[in-house]
Amino acid sequence: MCIDKDGTMDIFSGETIGDTVESFPLEENPTLTEIPQTKDWFSQDKDFVILDVGCYNGLDGLEYLDDVGKDRCRLFSFEADPKIAKIVREDHKSLIKDGNMTLIESAVSNVDGELTWHQSRIIDTNQNAPSGTIKFPRGHMDHHKHIGFKETKVPSIKLDTWFEQQDDVDMIDFMHVDVNGGEKEFIEGALTTLKEHTKFLWMEFMTKTGHWEDAHDGKELIRENFALVGIVGFNQLWMNHTL
């Protein structure tokens, strides 16, 4: 097992520390039923709940459904960009119809209400791009000039508010979060749900890239309950050791 400089195990790939992990040749997203940190949890005889926050095309969530099994897993997918959400609803209509996926068309932040969203598009083709954000993307525009942004207003909800509204969800087994610079705002609005009701958090932290103005990771808010157990690139796997 490879050990990172901060003492955590890099179980996913060797790219971060210049080594390889022969025992677990995984892709970027963790295979929940195979990696050592999660496989015992997902071997339980129970129904599981997975969240995909910032789902974009919905394919990450589909990976987890296929891994854990549609017959014992419910997926809640959040997408703020209305144009992308429309595509997700069409592409995954059978999963939505069967109750395997629930699509929530909203940003997830520290705001209940409405906020400014920066839609991202590939300039030459006007196709959707996966860089939408609640943060002003000044650095992103400087570094990736082929991506353009347009301001719009979108609904926003705190994850704590959403969780309180669920009558049949008492545990989130795994949460995939990709919010493009809005990491601290997401955590601030999700603190109770994370600390008391979430076992695994797989989150992309891109606040140090300079892409987004006034971006902070907010990791100090969860360290009391969560331990960092894996890193690949900007993505980090955190495990709630109090649950």
C-alpha atoms as a PDB file:
ATOM      1  CA  MET A   1       0.000   0.000   0.000  1.00  0.00           C
ATOM      2  CA  CYS A   2       1.395   3.434  -0.915  1.00  0.00           C
ATOM      3  CA  ILE A   3       1.638   6.016   1.853  1.00  0.00           C
ATOM      4  CA  ASP A   4       1.272   9.690   1.040  1.00  0.00           C
ATOM      5  CA  LYS A   5       3.314  12.430   2.731  1.00  0.00           C
ATOM      6  CA  ASP A   6       0.502  13.205   5.173  1.00  0.00           C
ATOM      7  CA  GLY A   7       0.292   9.560   6.236  1.00  0.00           C
ATOM      8  CA  THR A   8      -2.801   8.639   4.233  1.00  0.00           C
ATOM      9  CA  MET A   9      -2.990   5.637   1.907  1.00  0.00           C
ATOM     10  CA  ASP A  10      -3.193   6.282  -1.820  1.00  0.00           C
ATOM     11  CA  ILE A  11      -5.387   3.314  -2.694  1.00  0.00           C
ATOM     12  CA  PHE A  12      -6.525   4.431  -6.128  1.00  0.00           C
ATOM     13  CA  SER A  13      -3.477   5.120  -8.263  1.00  0.00           C
ATOM     14  CA  GLY A  14       0.176   5.961  -8.067  1.00  0.00           C
ATOM     15  CA  GLU A  15      -0.014   9.198 -10.026  1.00  0.00           C
ATOM     16  CA  THR A  16      -0.052  11.358  -6.903  1.00  0.00           C
ATOM     17  CA  ILE A  17       3.153   9.949  -5.407  1.00  0.00           C
ATOM     18  CA  GLY A  18       4.942   8.380  -8.351  1.00  0.00           C
ATOM     19  CA  ASP A  19       4.084   4.758  -7.596  1.00  0.00           C
ATOM     20  CA  THR A  20       1.469   2.124  -8.447  1.00  0.00           C
ATOM     21  CA  VAL A  21      -0.879   0.007  -6.391  1.00  0.00           C
ATOM     22  CA  GLU A  22      -0.767  -3.425  -7.969  1.00  0.00           C
ATOM     23  CA  SER A  23      -3.471  -4.948  -5.754  1.00  0.00           C
ATOM     24  CA  PHE A  24      -6.162  -2.433  -6.654  1.00  0.00           C
ATOM     25  CA  PRO A  25      -5.916  -1.335 -10.315  1.00  0.00           C
ATOM     26  CA  LEU A  26      -8.826   1.115 -10.146  1.00  0.00           C
ATOM     27  CA  GLU A  27     -10.175   3.901 -12.300  1.00  0.00           C
ATOM     28  CA  GLU A  28     -10.611   7.430 -10.965  1.00  0.00           C
ATOM     29  CA  ASN A  29     -13.875   6.734  -9.131  1.00  0.00           C
ATOM     30  CA  PRO A  30     -13.624   4.117  -6.360  1.00  0.00           C
ATOM     31  CA  THR A  31     -15.250   0.747  -6.950  1.00  0.00           C
ATOM     32  CA  LEU A  32     -17.272   0.639  -3.753  1.00  0.00           C
ATOM     33  CA  THR A  33     -17.600  -3.138  -3.528  1.00  0.00           C
ATOM     34  CA  GLU A  34     -13.863  -3.751  -4.043  1.00  0.00           C
ATOM     35  CA  ILE A  35     -11.592  -1.180  -2.424  1.00  0.00           C
ATOM     36  CA  PRO A  36     -10.609  -2.004   1.176  1.00  0.00           C
ATOM     37  CA  GLN A  37     -12.018   1.166   2.711  1.00  0.00           C
ATOM     38  CA  THR A  38     -15.550   0.638   1.408  1.00  0.00           C
ATOM     39  CA  LYS A  39     -16.051  -3.023   0.527  1.00  0.00           C
ATOM     40  CA  ASP A  40     -16.970  -4.159   4.052  1.00  0.00           C
ATOM     41  CA  TRP A  41     -19.535  -1.404   4.364  1.00  0.00           C
ATOM     42  CA  PHE A  42     -21.115  -2.239   1.011  1.00  0.00           C
ATOM     43  CA  SER A  43     -21.162  -5.965   1.773  1.00  0.00           C
ATOM     44  CA  GLN A  44     -23.855  -5.357   4.386  1.00  0.00           C
ATOM     45  CA  ASP A  45     -27.314  -6.798   3.805  1.00  0.00           C
ATOM     46  CA  LYS A  46     -29.128  -3.474   3.494  1.00  0.00           C
ATOM     47  CA  ASP A  47     -30.340  -0.916   1.005  1.00  0.00           C
ATOM     48  CA  PHE A  48     -27.878   1.863   0.215  1.00  0.00           C
ATOM     49  CA  VAL A  49     -28.232   5.563  -0.569  1.00  0.00           C
ATOM     50  CA  ILE A  50     -25.737   7.358  -2.822  1.00  0.00           C
ATOM     51  CA  LEU A  51     -25.641  11.060  -3.677  1.00  0.00           C
ATOM     52  CA  ASP A  52     -24.049  12.544  -6.800  1.00  0.00           C
ATOM     53  CA  VAL A  53     -23.749  16.302  -6.257  1.00  0.00           C
ATOM     54  CA  GLY A  54     -22.857  18.147  -9.442  1.00  0.00           C
ATOM     55  CA  CYS A  55     -23.777  15.100 -11.510  1.00  0.00           C
ATOM     56  CA  TYR A  56     -23.238  16.677 -14.975  1.00  0.00           C
ATOM     57  CA  ASN A  57     -24.079  13.830 -17.406  1.00  0.00           C
ATOM     58  CA  GLY A  58     -25.008  11.390 -14.635  1.00  0.00           C
ATOM     59  CA  LEU A  59     -22.457   8.772 -15.634  1.00  0.00           C
ATOM     60  CA  ASP A  60     -20.590   8.782 -12.311  1.00  0.00           C
ATOM     61  CA  GLY A  61     -23.770   7.935 -10.454  1.00  0.00           C
ATOM     62  CA  LEU A  62     -24.532   5.217 -12.986  1.00  0.00           C
ATOM     63  CA  GLU A  63     -21.144   3.626 -12.220  1.00  0.00           C
ATOM     64  CA  TYR A  64     -22.040   3.395  -8.543  1.00  0.00           C
ATOM     65  CA  LEU A  65     -25.487   1.974  -9.292  1.00  0.00           C
ATOM     66  CA  ASP A  66     -23.982  -0.712 -11.503  1.00  0.00           C
ATOM     67  CA  ASP A  67     -21.329  -1.493  -8.888  1.00  0.00           C
ATOM     68  CA  VAL A  68     -23.564  -1.737  -5.823  1.00  0.00           C
ATOM     69  CA  GLY A  69     -26.618  -3.046  -7.691  1.00  0.00           C
ATOM     70  CA  LYS A  70     -29.794  -1.270  -8.736  1.00  0.00           C
ATOM     71  CA  ASP A  71     -31.862  -3.678  -6.655  1.00  0.00           C
ATOM     72  CA  ARG A  72     -30.290  -2.437  -3.414  1.00  0.00           C
ATOM     73  CA  CYS A  73     -29.248   1.148  -4.111  1.00  0.00           C
ATOM     74  CA  ARG A  74     -31.020   4.502  -4.532  1.00  0.00           C
ATOM     75  CA  LEU A  75     -29.252   7.364  -6.278  1.00  0.00           C
ATOM     76  CA  PHE A  76     -30.010  11.052  -5.735  1.00  0.00           C
ATOM     77  CA  SER A  77     -28.386  13.244  -8.397  1.00  0.00           C
ATOM     78  CA  PHE A  78     -28.118  17.046  -8.127  1.00  0.00           C
ATOM     79  CA  GLU A  79     -27.507  19.296 -11.144  1.00  0.00           C
ATOM     80  CA  ALA A  80     -27.743  23.097 -11.092  1.00  0.00           C
ATOM     81  CA  ASP A  81     -27.500  23.875 -14.816  1.00  0.00           C
ATOM     82  CA  PRO A  82     -31.043  23.593 -16.252  1.00  0.00           C
ATOM     83  CA  LYS A  83     -29.802  22.759 -19.758  1.00  0.00           C
ATOM     84  CA  ILE A  84     -27.646  19.910 -18.481  1.00  0.00           C
ATOM     85  CA  ALA A  85     -30.376  18.695 -16.128  1.00  0.00           C
ATOM     86  CA  LYS A  86     -32.749  18.419 -19.086  1.00  0.00           C
ATOM     87  CA  ILE A  87     -30.257  16.121 -20.849  1.00  0.00           C
ATOM     88  CA  VAL A  88     -29.754  14.023 -17.716  1.00  0.00           C
ATOM     89  CA  ARG A  89     -33.508  13.602 -17.330  1.00  0.00           C
ATOM     90  CA  GLU A  90     -33.799  12.390 -20.915  1.00  0.00           C
ATOM     91  CA  ASP A  91     -30.685  10.174 -20.966  1.00  0.00           C
ATOM     92  CA  HIS A  92     -31.592   8.424 -17.709  1.00  0.00           C
ATOM     93  CA  LYS A  93     -35.387   8.445 -17.957  1.00  0.00           C
ATOM     94  CA  SER A  94     -35.658   4.687 -17.413  1.00  0.00           C
ATOM     95  CA  LEU A  95     -33.678   4.874 -14.162  1.00  0.00           C
ATOM     96  CA  ILE A  96     -35.796   7.805 -13.007  1.00  0.00           C
ATOM     97  CA  LYS A  97     -39.025   6.020 -13.971  1.00  0.00           C
ATOM     98  CA  ASP A  98     -37.978   2.863 -12.115  1.00  0.00           C
ATOM     99  CA  GLY A  99     -37.087   4.846  -8.991  1.00  0.00           C
ATOM    100  CA  ASN A 100     -33.365   4.079  -9.085  1.00  0.00           C
ATOM    101  CA  MET A 101     -32.439   7.718  -9.715  1.00  0.00           C
ATOM    102  CA  THR A 102     -33.985  10.908  -8.398  1.00  0.00           C
ATOM    103  CA  LEU A 103     -32.852  14.107 -10.151  1.00  0.00           C
ATOM    104  CA  ILE A 104     -32.849  17.314  -8.115  1.00  0.00           C
ATOM    105  CA  GLU A 105     -32.418  20.390 -10.308  1.00  0.00           C
ATOM    106  CA  SER A 106     -30.595  22.688  -7.917  1.00  0.00           C
ATOM    107  CA  ALA A 107     -27.207  23.904  -6.817  1.00  0.00           C
ATOM    108  CA  VAL A 108     -26.135  22.608  -3.404  1.00  0.00           C
ATOM    109  CA  SER A 109     -24.470  25.280  -1.291  1.00  0.00           C
ATOM    110  CA  ASN A 110     -24.890  27.239   1.951  1.00  0.00           C
ATOM    111  CA  VAL A 111     -27.930  29.061   0.511  1.00  0.00           C
ATOM    112  CA  ASP A 112     -31.587  28.088   0.538  1.00  0.00           C
ATOM    113  CA  GLY A 113     -33.163  30.087  -2.247  1.00  0.00           C
ATOM    114  CA  GLU A 114     -31.492  31.361  -5.411  1.00  0.00           C
ATOM    115  CA  LEU A 115     -27.955  32.230  -6.454  1.00  0.00           C
ATOM    116  CA  THR A 116     -25.868  33.225  -9.460  1.00  0.00           C
ATOM    117  CA  TRP A 117     -24.647  30.291 -11.531  1.00  0.00           C
ATOM    118  CA  HIS A 118     -21.933  30.505 -14.184  1.00  0.00           C
ATOM    119  CA  GLN A 119     -22.946  28.159 -17.001  1.00  0.00           C
ATOM    120  CA  SER A 120     -20.007  26.787 -18.960  1.00  0.00           C
ATOM    121  CA  ARG A 121     -19.914  26.120 -22.696  1.00  0.00           C
ATOM    122  CA  ILE A 122     -17.320  25.138 -25.284  1.00  0.00           C
ATOM    123  CA  ILE A 123     -17.095  28.361 -27.284  1.00  0.00           C
ATOM    124  CA  ASP A 124     -16.557  26.902 -30.778  1.00  0.00           C
ATOM    125  CA  THR A 125     -19.384  24.339 -30.593  1.00  0.00           C
ATOM    126  CA  ASN A 126     -21.662  25.822 -27.899  1.00  0.00           C
ATOM    127  CA  GLN A 127     -21.746  22.396 -26.266  1.00  0.00           C
ATOM    128  CA  ASN A 128     -22.118  22.001 -22.519  1.00  0.00           C
ATOM    129  CA  ALA A 129     -18.894  21.894 -20.516  1.00  0.00           C
ATOM    130  CA  PRO A 130     -18.420  20.433 -17.004  1.00  0.00           C
ATOM    131  CA  SER A 131     -17.158  23.672 -15.438  1.00  0.00           C
ATOM    132  CA  GLY A 132     -20.338  25.295 -14.145  1.00  0.00           C
ATOM    133  CA  THR A 133     -19.847  26.981 -10.785  1.00  0.00           C
ATOM    134  CA  ILE A 134     -21.203  29.364  -8.175  1.00  0.00           C
ATOM    135  CA  LYS A 135     -17.801  31.092  -8.149  1.00  0.00           C
ATOM    136  CA  PHE A 136     -16.665  33.716 -10.621  1.00  0.00           C
ATOM    137  CA  PRO A 137     -14.344  31.710 -12.933  1.00  0.00           C
ATOM    138  CA  ARG A 138     -11.724  34.381 -13.702  1.00  0.00           C
ATOM    139  CA  GLY A 139      -8.742  32.029 -13.475  1.00  0.00           C
ATOM    140  CA  HIS A 140     -10.533  29.318 -15.426  1.00  0.00           C
ATOM    141  CA  MET A 141     -11.182  31.728 -18.290  1.00  0.00           C
ATOM    142  CA  ASP A 142      -7.502  32.722 -18.300  1.00  0.00           C
ATOM    143  CA  HIS A 143      -6.267  29.110 -18.383  1.00  0.00           C
ATOM    144  CA  HIS A 144      -8.947  27.518 -20.592  1.00  0.00           C
ATOM    145  CA  LYS A 145      -9.814  30.078 -23.213  1.00  0.00           C
ATOM    146  CA  HIS A 146     -11.934  27.646 -25.228  1.00  0.00           C
ATOM    147  CA  ILE A 147     -14.499  27.566 -22.384  1.00  0.00           C
ATOM    148  CA  GLY A 148     -16.966  30.419 -22.039  1.00  0.00           C
ATOM    149  CA  PHE A 149     -19.308  31.287 -19.179  1.00  0.00           C
ATOM    150  CA  LYS A 150     -22.723  32.886 -18.920  1.00  0.00           C
ATOM    151  CA  GLU A 151     -24.368  34.096 -15.722  1.00  0.00           C
ATOM    152  CA  THR A 152     -27.842  32.897 -14.842  1.00  0.00           C
ATOM    153  CA  LYS A 153     -29.951  32.427 -11.721  1.00  0.00           C
ATOM    154  CA  VAL A 154     -30.626  28.919 -10.407  1.00  0.00           C
ATOM    155  CA  PRO A 155     -32.298  27.465  -7.321  1.00  0.00           C
ATOM    156  CA  SER A 156     -30.010  26.483  -4.463  1.00  0.00           C
ATOM    157  CA  ILE A 157     -30.532  24.296  -1.432  1.00  0.00           C
ATOM    158  CA  LYS A 158     -28.472  23.378   1.604  1.00  0.00           C
ATOM    159  CA  LEU A 159     -27.917  19.650   1.817  1.00  0.00           C
ATOM    160  CA  ASP A 160     -29.030  19.820   5.451  1.00  0.00           C
ATOM    161  CA  THR A 161     -32.341  21.291   4.307  1.00  0.00           C
ATOM    162  CA  TRP A 162     -32.778  18.617   1.651  1.00  0.00           C
ATOM    163  CA  PHE A 163     -31.972  15.831   4.102  1.00  0.00           C
ATOM    164  CA  GLU A 164     -34.511  17.094   6.625  1.00  0.00           C
ATOM    165  CA  GLN A 165     -37.165  16.902   3.912  1.00  0.00           C
ATOM    166  CA  GLN A 166     -36.554  13.186   3.274  1.00  0.00           C
ATOM    167  CA  ASP A 167     -38.914  10.897   5.169  1.00  0.00           C
ATOM    168  CA  ASP A 168     -37.237   7.644   4.122  1.00  0.00           C
ATOM    169  CA  VAL A 169     -33.506   8.492   4.155  1.00  0.00           C
ATOM    170  CA  ASP A 170     -31.611   8.245   7.439  1.00  0.00           C
ATOM    171  CA  MET A 171     -28.126   7.398   6.142  1.00  0.00           C
ATOM    172  CA  ILE A 172     -26.081   8.445   3.108  1.00  0.00           C
ATOM    173  CA  ASP A 173     -23.640   5.643   2.464  1.00  0.00           C
ATOM    174  CA  PHE A 174     -21.555   7.387  -0.178  1.00  0.00           C
ATOM    175  CA  MET A 175     -21.500  10.933  -1.504  1.00  0.00           C
ATOM    176  CA  HIS A 176     -19.760  12.045  -4.715  1.00  0.00           C
ATOM    177  CA  VAL A 177     -19.286  15.834  -4.793  1.00  0.00           C
ATOM    178  CA  ASP A 178     -17.940  17.922  -7.692  1.00  0.00           C
ATOM    179  CA  VAL A 179     -18.811  21.588  -7.230  1.00  0.00           C
ATOM    180  CA  ASN A 180     -15.975  23.436  -9.009  1.00  0.00           C
ATOM    181  CA  GLY A 181     -14.698  25.814  -6.338  1.00  0.00           C
ATOM    182  CA  GLY A 182     -17.829  25.809  -4.176  1.00  0.00           C
ATOM    183  CA  GLU A 183     -16.434  23.221  -1.767  1.00  0.00           C
ATOM    184  CA  LYS A 184     -16.579  25.299   1.405  1.00  0.00           C
ATOM    185  CA  GLU A 185     -20.077  26.576   0.644  1.00  0.00           C
ATOM    186  CA  PHE A 186     -21.238  23.017   0.057  1.00  0.00           C
ATOM    187  CA  ILE A 187     -19.742  21.784   3.334  1.00  0.00           C
ATOM    188  CA  GLU A 188     -21.151  24.726   5.287  1.00  0.00           C
ATOM    189  CA  GLY A 189     -24.638  23.861   4.104  1.00  0.00           C
ATOM    190  CA  ALA A 190     -24.178  20.133   4.704  1.00  0.00           C
ATOM    191  CA  LEU A 191     -22.421  19.956   8.077  1.00  0.00           C
ATOM    192  CA  THR A 192     -25.081  18.124  10.068  1.00  0.00           C
ATOM    193  CA  THR A 193     -25.811  15.675   7.260  1.00  0.00           C
ATOM    194  CA  LEU A 194     -22.117  14.979   6.776  1.00  0.00           C
ATOM    195  CA  LYS A 195     -21.244  14.548  10.438  1.00  0.00           C
ATOM    196  CA  GLU A 196     -24.310  12.594  11.568  1.00  0.00           C
ATOM    197  CA  HIS A 197     -25.595  10.784   8.487  1.00  0.00           C
ATOM    198  CA  THR A 198     -22.796  10.261   5.905  1.00  0.00           C
ATOM    199  CA  LYS A 199     -20.262   7.414   5.907  1.00  0.00           C
ATOM    200  CA  PHE A 200     -18.089   8.166   2.854  1.00  0.00           C
ATOM    201  CA  LEU A 201     -17.375  11.477   1.098  1.00  0.00           C
ATOM    202  CA  TRP A 202     -15.630  11.386  -2.316  1.00  0.00           C
ATOM    203  CA  MET A 203     -15.008  15.017  -3.218  1.00  0.00           C
ATOM    204  CA  GLU A 204     -13.021  16.989  -5.758  1.00  0.00           C
ATOM    205  CA  PHE A 205     -11.085  19.863  -4.169  1.00  0.00           C
ATOM    206  CA  MET A 206      -9.980  22.355  -6.834  1.00  0.00           C
ATOM    207  CA  THR A 207      -9.695  25.480  -4.708  1.00  0.00           C
ATOM    208  CA  LYS A 208      -5.894  25.696  -5.085  1.00  0.00           C
ATOM    209  CA  THR A 209      -5.938  25.769  -8.898  1.00  0.00           C
ATOM    210  CA  GLY A 210      -6.738  29.478  -9.018  1.00  0.00           C
ATOM    211  CA  HIS A 211      -9.657  28.810 -11.359  1.00  0.00           C
ATOM    212  CA  TRP A 212     -12.302  30.272  -9.052  1.00  0.00           C
ATOM    213  CA  GLU A 213     -12.372  33.559  -7.152  1.00  0.00           C
ATOM    214  CA  ASP A 214     -12.594  33.426  -3.351  1.00  0.00           C
ATOM    215  CA  ALA A 215     -12.593  29.611  -3.269  1.00  0.00           C
ATOM    216  CA  HIS A 216     -11.801  27.694  -0.070  1.00  0.00           C
ATOM    217  CA  ASP A 217     -11.870  23.969   0.578  1.00  0.00           C
ATOM    218  CA  GLY A 218     -13.563  23.994   3.999  1.00  0.00           C
ATOM    219  CA  LYS A 219     -11.940  20.707   5.027  1.00  0.00           C
ATOM    220  CA  GLU A 220     -11.261  22.034   8.514  1.00  0.00           C
ATOM    221  CA  LEU A 221     -15.009  21.843   9.134  1.00  0.00           C
ATOM    222  CA  ILE A 222     -15.147  18.038   8.822  1.00  0.00           C
ATOM    223  CA  ARG A 223     -11.823  16.872  10.256  1.00  0.00           C
ATOM    224  CA  GLU A 224     -13.318  16.120  13.674  1.00  0.00           C
ATOM    225  CA  ASN A 225     -15.536  13.407  12.185  1.00  0.00           C
ATOM    226  CA  PHE A 226     -13.818  12.390   8.964  1.00  0.00           C
ATOM    227  CA  ALA A 227     -10.436  10.841   8.190  1.00  0.00           C
ATOM    228  CA  LEU A 228      -8.769  11.235   4.801  1.00  0.00           C
ATOM    229  CA  VAL A 229      -8.192   7.715   3.475  1.00  0.00           C
ATOM    230  CA  GLY A 230      -7.406   8.099  -0.220  1.00  0.00           C
ATOM    231  CA  ILE A 231      -6.239  10.598  -2.842  1.00  0.00           C
ATOM    232  CA  VAL A 232      -6.054  10.593  -6.618  1.00  0.00           C
ATOM    233  CA  GLY A 233      -5.452  13.878  -8.405  1.00  0.00           C
ATOM    234  CA  PHE A 234      -7.815  16.516  -7.001  1.00  0.00           C
ATOM    235  CA  ASN A 235     -10.184  13.857  -5.646  1.00  0.00           C
ATOM    236  CA  GLN A 236     -10.150  12.765  -2.012  1.00  0.00           C
ATOM    237  CA  LEU A 237     -11.950   9.975  -0.173  1.00  0.00           C
ATOM    238  CA  TRP A 238     -12.970  10.780   3.405  1.00  0.00           C
ATOM    239  CA  MET A 239     -14.473   8.271   5.848  1.00  0.00           C
ATOM    240  CA  ASN A 240     -16.656   9.180   8.824  1.00  0.00           C
ATOM    241  CA  HIS A 241     -15.041   7.323  11.722  1.00  0.00           C
ATOM    242  CA  THR A 242     -17.850   8.247  14.137  1.00  0.00           C
ATOM    243  CA  LEU A 243     -20.490   6.165  12.307  1.00  0.00           C
END
